[in-house]
N, C-alpha and C. Protein backbone atom coordinates (compact mmCIF):
# COMPACT_ATOMS: atom_id res chain seq x y z
N MET A 1 0.92 -1.14 0.01
CA MET A 1 -0.19 -0.10 -0.03
C MET A 1 0.91 1.28 0.02
N LYS A 2 0.56 2.15 -0.62
CA LYS A 2 1.33 3.47 -0.87
C LYS A 2 0.84 4.44 -0.04
N LEU A 3 1.70 5.33 0.42
CA LEU A 3 1.42 6.49 1.28
C LEU A 3 1.47 7.83 0.25
N TRP A 4 0.57 8.57 0.22
CA TRP A 4 0.55 9.78 -0.60
C TRP A 4 0.36 10.97 0.21
N ASP A 5 1.08 11.94 -0.08
CA ASP A 5 0.90 13.27 0.48
C ASP A 5 -0.32 13.99 -0.20
N THR A 6 -1.38 14.26 0.51
CA THR A 6 -2.57 14.78 -0.17
C THR A 6 -2.38 16.08 -0.50
N ALA A 7 -1.48 16.79 -0.03
CA ALA A 7 -1.22 18.33 -0.42
C ALA A 7 -0.48 18.38 -1.68
N THR A 8 0.42 17.45 -1.85
CA THR A 8 1.41 17.39 -3.07
C THR A 8 1.21 16.43 -4.17
N GLY A 9 0.59 15.33 -3.56
CA GLY A 9 0.20 14.25 -4.57
C GLY A 9 1.49 13.33 -4.59
N ALA A 10 2.64 13.57 -3.99
CA ALA A 10 3.87 12.83 -4.11
C ALA A 10 3.59 11.60 -3.13
N GLU A 11 4.30 10.46 -3.80
CA GLU A 11 4.44 9.10 -3.10
C GLU A 11 5.22 9.29 -1.95
N LEU A 12 4.88 8.80 -0.82
CA LEU A 12 5.78 8.94 0.28
C LEU A 12 6.45 7.61 0.71
N LYS A 13 5.75 6.57 0.84
CA LYS A 13 6.42 5.30 0.98
C LYS A 13 5.37 4.12 0.95
N THR A 14 5.93 2.95 1.05
CA THR A 14 4.87 1.73 0.92
C THR A 14 4.80 1.20 2.37
N LEU A 15 3.42 0.94 2.67
CA LEU A 15 3.29 0.19 3.92
C LEU A 15 2.88 -1.38 3.61
N LYS A 16 3.49 -2.27 4.30
CA LYS A 16 3.18 -3.75 4.31
C LYS A 16 1.86 -4.06 5.12
N GLY A 17 1.06 -4.84 4.66
CA GLY A 17 0.05 -5.41 5.58
C GLY A 17 -1.35 -4.62 5.42
N HIS A 18 -1.26 -3.55 4.67
CA HIS A 18 -2.52 -2.79 4.58
C HIS A 18 -3.45 -3.13 3.52
N ASP A 19 -2.65 -3.67 2.41
CA ASP A 19 -3.42 -3.80 1.09
C ASP A 19 -4.69 -4.65 1.02
N HIS A 20 -4.84 -5.43 2.19
CA HIS A 20 -6.16 -6.18 2.19
C HIS A 20 -7.19 -5.62 2.93
N PHE A 21 -7.03 -4.62 3.65
CA PHE A 21 -7.92 -3.93 4.64
C PHE A 21 -8.45 -2.61 4.00
N VAL A 22 -7.70 -1.91 3.33
CA VAL A 22 -8.16 -0.46 2.86
C VAL A 22 -7.82 -0.32 1.36
N PHE A 23 -8.59 0.54 0.90
CA PHE A 23 -8.57 0.89 -0.50
C PHE A 23 -7.35 1.92 -0.95
N GLY A 24 -7.01 2.74 0.11
CA GLY A 24 -5.97 3.67 0.02
C GLY A 24 -5.38 4.21 1.30
N VAL A 25 -4.35 4.66 1.39
CA VAL A 25 -3.76 5.38 2.56
C VAL A 25 -3.32 6.74 2.08
N ALA A 26 -3.68 7.75 2.86
CA ALA A 26 -3.16 9.05 2.61
C ALA A 26 -2.61 9.80 3.83
N ILE A 27 -1.96 10.79 3.55
CA ILE A 27 -1.44 11.77 4.62
C ILE A 27 -2.26 12.92 4.41
N THR A 28 -2.95 13.50 5.54
CA THR A 28 -3.70 14.67 5.48
C THR A 28 -2.93 15.82 5.54
N ARG A 29 -3.39 17.11 5.38
CA ARG A 29 -2.60 18.25 5.32
C ARG A 29 -2.00 18.52 6.57
N ASP A 30 -2.57 17.94 7.78
CA ASP A 30 -2.04 18.34 9.17
C ASP A 30 -1.28 17.08 9.37
N GLY A 31 -0.88 16.09 8.61
CA GLY A 31 0.17 15.09 8.80
C GLY A 31 -0.41 13.81 9.28
N ARG A 32 -1.67 13.65 9.37
CA ARG A 32 -2.20 12.08 9.90
C ARG A 32 -2.25 11.23 8.94
N ALA A 33 -1.85 10.11 9.21
CA ALA A 33 -2.09 8.96 8.23
C ALA A 33 -3.46 8.45 8.49
N VAL A 34 -4.14 8.36 7.25
CA VAL A 34 -5.47 7.87 7.19
C VAL A 34 -5.68 6.75 6.06
N ALA A 35 -6.78 5.86 6.47
CA ALA A 35 -7.25 5.03 5.54
C ALA A 35 -8.57 5.53 4.85
N VAL A 36 -8.46 5.44 3.46
CA VAL A 36 -9.44 5.93 2.64
C VAL A 36 -10.00 4.80 1.89
N LYS A 37 -11.48 4.70 2.11
CA LYS A 37 -12.35 3.70 1.35
C LYS A 37 -12.95 4.49 0.44
N VAL A 38 -12.92 4.24 -0.88
CA VAL A 38 -13.66 5.07 -2.03
C VAL A 38 -14.65 3.97 -2.60
N GLN A 39 -15.89 4.25 -2.82
CA GLN A 39 -16.92 3.47 -3.30
C GLN A 39 -16.73 3.37 -4.84
N TYR A 40 -16.78 2.31 -5.51
CA TYR A 40 -16.73 2.12 -6.84
C TYR A 40 -17.61 2.93 -7.61
N PRO A 41 -17.27 3.73 -8.64
CA PRO A 41 -18.17 4.73 -9.15
C PRO A 41 -19.34 3.78 -9.82
N GLY A 42 -20.63 4.42 -9.54
CA GLY A 42 -21.81 3.72 -10.33
C GLY A 42 -22.37 2.55 -9.51
N ILE A 43 -21.70 2.09 -8.47
CA ILE A 43 -22.19 0.86 -7.73
C ILE A 43 -23.49 1.10 -7.16
N ALA A 44 -23.77 2.15 -6.53
CA ALA A 44 -25.10 2.37 -6.05
C ALA A 44 -26.23 2.26 -7.04
N ARG A 45 -25.99 2.98 -8.13
CA ARG A 45 -26.93 2.92 -9.33
C ARG A 45 -27.03 1.40 -9.71
N THR A 46 -25.92 0.71 -9.69
CA THR A 46 -25.99 -0.79 -10.31
C THR A 46 -26.92 -1.47 -9.34
N ILE A 47 -26.67 -1.30 -8.11
CA ILE A 47 -27.47 -2.14 -7.03
C ILE A 47 -29.02 -1.82 -7.07
N GLU A 48 -29.16 -0.54 -7.27
CA GLU A 48 -30.63 -0.06 -7.42
C GLU A 48 -31.35 -0.84 -8.69
N ALA A 49 -30.67 -0.93 -9.82
CA ALA A 49 -31.10 -1.41 -10.94
C ALA A 49 -31.27 -2.89 -10.63
N ASP A 50 -30.27 -3.64 -9.92
CA ASP A 50 -30.41 -5.00 -9.70
C ASP A 50 -31.72 -5.28 -8.82
N LEU A 51 -31.93 -4.35 -7.89
CA LEU A 51 -33.05 -4.39 -6.86
C LEU A 51 -34.34 -4.36 -7.72
N GLN A 52 -34.24 -3.61 -8.82
CA GLN A 52 -35.72 -3.65 -9.70
C GLN A 52 -35.90 -4.94 -10.18
N ASN A 53 -34.74 -5.58 -10.69
CA ASN A 53 -34.85 -7.00 -11.25
C ASN A 53 -35.40 -7.91 -10.10
N VAL A 54 -34.94 -7.77 -8.90
CA VAL A 54 -35.20 -8.65 -7.71
C VAL A 54 -36.75 -8.50 -7.44
N THR A 55 -37.30 -7.18 -7.68
CA THR A 55 -38.73 -6.94 -7.56
C THR A 55 -39.48 -7.72 -8.52
N LEU A 56 -39.04 -7.88 -9.85
CA LEU A 56 -39.61 -8.59 -10.84
C LEU A 56 -39.70 -10.23 -10.33
N LEU A 57 -38.59 -10.55 -9.71
CA LEU A 57 -38.37 -12.06 -9.46
C LEU A 57 -39.26 -12.36 -8.24
N ARG A 58 -39.51 -11.30 -7.39
CA ARG A 58 -40.41 -11.46 -6.19
C ARG A 58 -41.95 -11.71 -6.75
N ARG A 59 -42.26 -11.08 -7.74
CA ARG A 59 -43.61 -11.40 -8.33
C ARG A 59 -43.76 -12.95 -8.84
N ILE A 60 -42.81 -13.08 -9.65
CA ILE A 60 -42.61 -14.61 -10.03
C ILE A 60 -42.60 -15.50 -8.98
N ALA A 61 -41.91 -15.32 -7.92
CA ALA A 61 -41.69 -16.30 -6.72
C ALA A 61 -43.06 -16.27 -6.00
N ALA A 62 -43.80 -15.31 -5.81
CA ALA A 62 -45.09 -15.25 -5.19
C ALA A 62 -46.05 -16.06 -5.98
N VAL A 63 -46.01 -16.06 -7.25
CA VAL A 63 -46.85 -16.97 -7.96
C VAL A 63 -46.44 -18.41 -7.75
N ALA A 64 -45.14 -18.73 -7.78
CA ALA A 64 -44.76 -20.10 -7.55
C ALA A 64 -44.82 -20.59 -6.36
N PHE A 65 -44.68 -19.76 -5.35
CA PHE A 65 -44.80 -20.07 -3.79
C PHE A 65 -45.76 -19.26 -3.13
N PRO A 66 -46.97 -19.47 -3.11
CA PRO A 66 -48.12 -18.70 -2.71
C PRO A 66 -47.81 -18.40 -1.31
N GLY A 67 -47.27 -19.10 -0.35
CA GLY A 67 -47.49 -18.94 0.99
C GLY A 67 -46.11 -18.17 1.51
N LEU A 68 -45.19 -17.90 0.72
CA LEU A 68 -44.07 -17.29 0.98
C LEU A 68 -44.23 -15.64 0.95
N ASP A 69 -43.74 -15.16 2.00
CA ASP A 69 -43.85 -13.58 2.19
C ASP A 69 -42.53 -13.14 1.40
N THR A 70 -42.78 -12.84 0.13
CA THR A 70 -41.66 -12.48 -0.89
C THR A 70 -41.55 -10.94 -0.58
N ARG A 71 -42.53 -10.15 -0.39
CA ARG A 71 -42.47 -8.72 -0.17
C ARG A 71 -41.59 -8.35 0.98
N SER A 72 -41.67 -9.00 2.08
CA SER A 72 -40.88 -8.73 3.31
C SER A 72 -39.40 -9.15 3.11
N LEU A 73 -39.20 -10.13 2.34
CA LEU A 73 -37.93 -10.67 2.01
C LEU A 73 -37.22 -9.73 1.11
N VAL A 74 -37.85 -9.24 0.04
CA VAL A 74 -37.12 -8.31 -0.83
C VAL A 74 -37.05 -6.88 -0.10
N ASP A 75 -37.89 -6.53 0.75
CA ASP A 75 -37.84 -5.30 1.29
C ASP A 75 -36.63 -5.42 2.28
N GLU A 76 -36.46 -6.42 2.97
CA GLU A 76 -35.13 -6.57 3.82
C GLU A 76 -33.94 -6.50 2.99
N LEU A 77 -33.95 -7.17 1.89
CA LEU A 77 -32.65 -7.33 1.04
C LEU A 77 -32.44 -5.78 0.59
N ARG A 78 -33.57 -5.22 0.09
CA ARG A 78 -33.22 -3.81 -0.42
C ARG A 78 -32.81 -2.94 0.77
N ASP A 79 -33.18 -2.89 1.84
CA ASP A 79 -32.81 -2.01 2.96
C ASP A 79 -31.32 -2.43 3.20
N ARG A 80 -30.98 -3.60 3.41
CA ARG A 80 -29.51 -4.09 3.81
C ARG A 80 -28.58 -3.59 2.48
N LEU A 81 -29.02 -3.77 1.37
CA LEU A 81 -28.15 -3.39 0.30
C LEU A 81 -27.92 -1.92 0.18
N ARG A 82 -29.06 -1.11 0.39
CA ARG A 82 -28.95 0.29 0.48
C ARG A 82 -27.76 0.75 1.58
N GLU A 83 -28.05 0.12 2.78
CA GLU A 83 -27.25 0.52 3.79
C GLU A 83 -25.69 0.16 3.48
N GLU A 84 -25.31 -0.79 2.56
CA GLU A 84 -24.09 -1.18 2.31
C GLU A 84 -23.46 -0.16 1.54
N VAL A 85 -24.14 0.78 0.63
CA VAL A 85 -23.61 1.56 -0.12
C VAL A 85 -23.69 2.99 0.65
N ASP A 86 -24.13 3.17 1.76
CA ASP A 86 -24.25 4.48 2.44
C ASP A 86 -23.09 4.53 3.52
N TYR A 87 -22.00 5.28 2.93
CA TYR A 87 -20.77 5.46 3.81
C TYR A 87 -21.18 6.29 5.01
N ARG A 88 -22.13 7.26 4.92
CA ARG A 88 -22.36 8.04 6.13
C ARG A 88 -23.00 7.14 7.11
N LEU A 89 -23.73 6.27 6.97
CA LEU A 89 -24.39 5.32 7.87
C LEU A 89 -23.17 4.49 8.38
N GLU A 90 -22.35 4.06 7.57
CA GLU A 90 -21.06 3.18 7.95
C GLU A 90 -20.29 4.07 9.02
N ALA A 91 -20.02 5.31 8.78
CA ALA A 91 -19.20 6.15 9.38
C ALA A 91 -19.86 6.43 10.98
N GLU A 92 -21.14 6.60 10.89
CA GLU A 92 -21.82 6.61 12.08
C GLU A 92 -21.62 5.37 13.05
N SER A 93 -21.99 4.42 12.44
CA SER A 93 -21.80 3.08 13.13
C SER A 93 -20.44 2.85 13.68
N GLN A 94 -19.53 3.23 12.83
CA GLN A 94 -18.01 3.02 13.33
C GLN A 94 -17.73 3.84 14.32
N ASN A 95 -18.27 5.15 14.41
CA ASN A 95 -17.90 6.01 15.68
C ASN A 95 -18.67 5.36 16.85
N VAL A 96 -19.80 4.86 16.66
CA VAL A 96 -20.44 4.47 17.88
C VAL A 96 -19.71 3.15 18.47
N PHE A 97 -19.16 2.32 17.54
CA PHE A 97 -18.41 1.28 17.89
C PHE A 97 -17.06 1.87 18.62
N ALA A 98 -16.58 2.83 18.13
CA ALA A 98 -15.28 3.53 18.60
C ALA A 98 -15.58 3.96 19.98
N ASN A 99 -16.56 4.77 20.12
CA ASN A 99 -16.97 5.25 21.42
C ASN A 99 -17.25 4.04 22.43
N TYR A 100 -17.87 2.94 22.10
CA TYR A 100 -17.91 1.96 23.03
C TYR A 100 -16.87 1.15 23.45
N TYR A 101 -15.81 1.18 22.69
CA TYR A 101 -14.38 0.45 23.04
C TYR A 101 -13.32 1.60 23.40
N GLU A 102 -13.81 2.85 23.44
CA GLU A 102 -12.67 3.95 23.68
C GLU A 102 -11.72 3.59 24.85
N ALA A 103 -12.23 3.10 25.86
CA ALA A 103 -11.23 2.94 27.21
C ALA A 103 -10.91 1.50 27.25
N HIS A 104 -11.06 0.62 26.30
CA HIS A 104 -10.68 -0.81 26.32
C HIS A 104 -9.15 -0.74 26.01
N PRO A 105 -8.45 -1.46 26.91
CA PRO A 105 -6.97 -1.53 26.78
C PRO A 105 -6.22 -2.23 25.78
N VAL A 106 -7.01 -2.99 24.86
CA VAL A 106 -6.58 -3.95 23.82
C VAL A 106 -7.18 -3.58 22.56
N ILE A 107 -8.51 -3.27 22.44
CA ILE A 107 -9.29 -3.18 21.25
C ILE A 107 -9.34 -1.67 20.87
N HIS A 108 -8.87 -1.43 19.68
CA HIS A 108 -9.01 0.07 19.22
C HIS A 108 -9.75 0.08 17.99
N VAL A 109 -10.97 0.76 18.01
CA VAL A 109 -11.69 0.97 16.51
C VAL A 109 -11.16 2.40 16.14
N PRO A 110 -10.78 2.38 14.86
CA PRO A 110 -10.33 3.72 14.43
C PRO A 110 -11.50 4.70 14.17
N ARG A 111 -11.26 5.92 14.54
CA ARG A 111 -12.15 7.01 14.50
C ARG A 111 -12.23 7.51 12.92
N VAL A 112 -13.60 7.91 12.52
CA VAL A 112 -13.93 8.39 11.21
C VAL A 112 -13.39 9.81 11.23
N VAL A 113 -12.73 10.14 10.12
CA VAL A 113 -12.23 11.70 9.78
C VAL A 113 -13.52 12.21 9.12
N ARG A 114 -14.42 12.84 9.86
CA ARG A 114 -15.86 13.36 9.21
C ARG A 114 -15.50 14.32 7.98
N GLU A 115 -14.67 15.32 8.21
CA GLU A 115 -14.37 16.35 7.23
C GLU A 115 -13.82 15.73 5.96
N LEU A 116 -13.40 14.51 6.12
CA LEU A 116 -12.83 13.90 4.68
C LEU A 116 -13.71 12.80 4.27
N SER A 117 -14.85 12.64 4.92
CA SER A 117 -15.73 11.64 4.60
C SER A 117 -17.05 12.03 3.93
N SER A 118 -17.70 11.13 3.12
CA SER A 118 -19.02 11.70 2.32
C SER A 118 -19.86 10.21 2.21
N ALA A 119 -20.78 10.49 1.40
CA ALA A 119 -21.61 9.30 1.11
C ALA A 119 -21.02 8.26 0.35
N ARG A 120 -19.92 8.68 -0.39
CA ARG A 120 -19.18 7.75 -1.14
C ARG A 120 -17.62 7.43 -0.72
N VAL A 121 -17.25 8.22 0.34
CA VAL A 121 -15.82 8.11 0.76
C VAL A 121 -15.84 8.17 2.15
N LEU A 122 -15.29 6.99 2.77
CA LEU A 122 -15.01 6.81 4.10
C LEU A 122 -13.53 6.98 4.57
N THR A 123 -13.31 8.02 5.43
CA THR A 123 -11.89 8.30 5.74
C THR A 123 -11.83 7.98 7.37
N SER A 124 -10.79 7.09 7.77
CA SER A 124 -10.61 6.79 9.09
C SER A 124 -9.07 6.88 9.50
N GLU A 125 -8.98 7.08 10.85
CA GLU A 125 -7.41 7.11 11.30
C GLU A 125 -6.97 5.85 10.84
N LEU A 126 -5.68 5.87 10.47
CA LEU A 126 -4.99 4.61 10.00
C LEU A 126 -4.43 3.93 11.19
N VAL A 127 -4.84 2.76 11.51
CA VAL A 127 -4.18 2.08 12.62
C VAL A 127 -3.45 0.63 12.12
N ALA A 128 -2.53 0.23 12.98
CA ALA A 128 -1.97 -0.96 12.56
C ALA A 128 -2.68 -2.06 13.10
N GLY A 129 -2.49 -3.28 12.56
CA GLY A 129 -3.16 -4.42 13.17
C GLY A 129 -2.62 -5.67 12.49
N ALA A 130 -3.03 -6.77 12.71
CA ALA A 130 -2.66 -8.08 12.30
C ALA A 130 -3.54 -8.83 11.47
N ARG A 131 -3.43 -9.47 10.32
CA ARG A 131 -4.33 -10.41 9.79
C ARG A 131 -4.17 -11.84 10.49
N PHE A 132 -5.25 -12.55 10.23
CA PHE A 132 -5.30 -13.83 10.99
C PHE A 132 -4.37 -14.74 10.65
N ASP A 133 -3.82 -14.74 9.44
CA ASP A 133 -2.66 -15.77 8.98
C ASP A 133 -1.54 -15.32 9.82
N GLU A 134 -1.32 -14.15 10.10
CA GLU A 134 -0.19 -13.81 10.87
C GLU A 134 -0.10 -14.33 12.37
N LEU A 135 -1.24 -14.61 12.83
CA LEU A 135 -1.25 -15.12 14.17
C LEU A 135 -0.62 -16.56 14.27
N LEU A 136 -0.58 -17.22 13.32
CA LEU A 136 -0.02 -18.46 13.22
C LEU A 136 1.52 -18.59 13.70
N GLY A 137 2.11 -17.49 13.51
CA GLY A 137 3.61 -17.32 13.69
C GLY A 137 3.68 -16.69 15.33
N TRP A 138 2.48 -16.34 16.05
CA TRP A 138 2.63 -15.73 17.42
C TRP A 138 2.82 -16.84 18.29
N SER A 139 3.31 -16.48 19.62
CA SER A 139 3.46 -17.42 20.87
C SER A 139 2.10 -17.83 21.18
N GLN A 140 2.04 -18.96 21.96
CA GLN A 140 0.79 -19.25 22.46
C GLN A 140 0.10 -18.25 23.29
N ARG A 141 0.94 -17.64 24.20
CA ARG A 141 0.32 -16.43 25.00
C ARG A 141 -0.32 -15.34 24.06
N GLU A 142 0.35 -14.98 22.90
CA GLU A 142 -0.25 -13.89 22.09
C GLU A 142 -1.50 -14.42 21.32
N ARG A 143 -1.48 -15.75 20.99
CA ARG A 143 -2.80 -16.21 20.42
C ARG A 143 -3.92 -16.36 21.30
N ASP A 144 -3.61 -16.76 22.50
CA ASP A 144 -4.52 -16.74 23.58
C ASP A 144 -5.18 -15.39 23.81
N LEU A 145 -4.36 -14.34 23.91
CA LEU A 145 -4.84 -12.96 24.08
C LEU A 145 -5.60 -12.55 22.84
N ALA A 146 -5.07 -12.77 21.72
CA ALA A 146 -5.99 -12.54 20.44
C ALA A 146 -7.26 -13.18 20.56
N ALA A 147 -7.49 -14.54 20.96
CA ALA A 147 -8.71 -15.23 21.05
C ALA A 147 -9.63 -14.63 22.08
N GLU A 148 -8.92 -14.27 23.21
CA GLU A 148 -9.79 -13.50 24.24
C GLU A 148 -10.38 -12.17 23.73
N THR A 149 -9.54 -11.43 23.05
CA THR A 149 -9.93 -10.06 22.57
C THR A 149 -11.14 -10.41 21.62
N ILE A 150 -11.01 -11.27 20.71
CA ILE A 150 -12.06 -11.58 19.75
C ILE A 150 -13.31 -12.07 20.43
N GLU A 151 -13.12 -12.79 21.29
CA GLU A 151 -14.29 -13.43 22.05
C GLU A 151 -15.00 -12.28 22.81
N HIS A 152 -14.28 -11.41 23.44
CA HIS A 152 -14.94 -10.10 24.13
C HIS A 152 -15.69 -9.33 23.05
N ALA A 153 -14.98 -8.87 21.78
CA ALA A 153 -15.81 -8.31 20.77
C ALA A 153 -16.97 -8.95 20.36
N VAL A 154 -16.96 -10.17 20.00
CA VAL A 154 -18.09 -11.10 19.52
C VAL A 154 -19.14 -11.11 20.80
N GLY A 155 -18.72 -11.26 21.87
CA GLY A 155 -19.67 -11.35 23.07
C GLY A 155 -20.34 -10.06 23.23
N CYS A 156 -19.81 -9.03 23.00
CA CYS A 156 -20.44 -7.74 23.15
C CYS A 156 -21.62 -7.51 21.93
N HIS A 157 -21.25 -8.17 20.75
CA HIS A 157 -22.23 -8.13 19.75
C HIS A 157 -23.44 -8.81 19.99
N ARG A 158 -23.17 -10.13 20.72
CA ARG A 158 -24.24 -11.00 21.03
C ARG A 158 -25.18 -10.39 22.17
N GLU A 159 -24.41 -9.57 23.09
CA GLU A 159 -25.29 -9.02 24.17
C GLU A 159 -25.96 -7.73 23.87
N TYR A 160 -25.44 -7.04 22.92
CA TYR A 160 -26.14 -5.73 22.48
C TYR A 160 -26.94 -5.73 21.13
N GLY A 161 -26.48 -6.64 20.30
CA GLY A 161 -27.04 -6.80 19.11
C GLY A 161 -27.07 -5.72 18.16
N PRO A 162 -27.63 -5.85 16.93
CA PRO A 162 -27.44 -4.94 15.81
C PRO A 162 -28.09 -3.58 16.19
N SER A 163 -29.12 -3.50 17.02
CA SER A 163 -29.54 -2.33 17.24
C SER A 163 -28.94 -1.40 18.06
N HIS A 164 -27.85 -1.91 18.92
CA HIS A 164 -26.88 -1.16 19.74
C HIS A 164 -25.87 -0.50 18.94
N HIS A 165 -25.33 -1.30 17.90
CA HIS A 165 -24.18 -0.75 17.26
C HIS A 165 -24.51 -0.37 15.84
N GLY A 166 -25.56 -0.87 15.23
CA GLY A 166 -26.00 -0.39 13.95
C GLY A 166 -25.34 -1.46 12.98
N PRO A 167 -25.56 -1.15 11.60
CA PRO A 167 -25.07 -2.17 10.62
C PRO A 167 -23.61 -1.92 10.51
N LYS A 168 -22.91 -2.72 9.89
CA LYS A 168 -21.41 -2.72 9.68
C LYS A 168 -20.58 -2.58 10.81
N ARG A 169 -21.03 -2.68 11.86
CA ARG A 169 -20.18 -2.46 13.07
C ARG A 169 -19.03 -3.34 13.14
N SER A 170 -19.17 -4.45 12.85
CA SER A 170 -17.93 -5.41 12.99
C SER A 170 -16.82 -5.21 11.88
N ARG A 171 -17.10 -4.74 10.82
CA ARG A 171 -16.01 -4.28 9.96
C ARG A 171 -14.94 -3.19 10.42
N SER A 172 -15.43 -2.34 11.44
CA SER A 172 -14.70 -1.46 11.90
C SER A 172 -13.72 -1.73 13.00
N LEU A 173 -13.78 -3.05 13.46
CA LEU A 173 -13.14 -3.61 14.71
C LEU A 173 -11.54 -3.71 14.14
N ASN A 174 -10.68 -3.26 14.85
CA ASN A 174 -9.10 -3.53 14.64
C ASN A 174 -8.74 -3.83 15.92
N CYS A 175 -8.26 -5.07 16.04
CA CYS A 175 -7.58 -5.55 17.42
C CYS A 175 -6.15 -5.28 17.39
N GLN A 176 -5.55 -4.65 18.46
CA GLN A 176 -4.12 -4.56 18.64
C GLN A 176 -3.77 -5.11 19.77
N LEU A 177 -2.70 -5.99 19.73
CA LEU A 177 -2.17 -6.62 21.02
C LEU A 177 -1.23 -5.69 21.66
N GLU A 178 -1.28 -5.57 22.79
CA GLU A 178 -0.36 -4.94 23.61
C GLU A 178 0.62 -5.73 24.39
N GLY A 179 1.85 -5.35 24.61
CA GLY A 179 2.82 -6.18 25.53
C GLY A 179 3.56 -7.01 24.65
């Protein structure tokens, strides 16, 4: 992953390990490293067009399966897909999650940089983390700590559920091991 100076456009350096998690990394004018997720152009329009096709399929399925509540199924699908392309909603959910874990000694959820985010761009502080395949090389103590951290985060989701954190909350989690 390359770091770019947003003021000059100059390439700064390459970061290893970030290419699977973010679409881009940049340095803001005030010197902060940020992760930038840019929505593919036209994806929202494509999804809306696909949803129109799903509505047609719903009508066909309703005839084929008269007892199936296809309207509710399609409505739920439509709502979830629209949330998927709304980066403002994702930013809000990410910040709720960041607030929830703010004082946690091991879990750090990156904060959204609101002034550099929009409906189609999500900018967050850049944080270091580890991919799951990297855990294989860790000591047993470190793997145990990672497992406890993940269990804590998953347990909180089970306890509070989607209505507490909102959609996409789990994507925002970045666990960092200390020590």
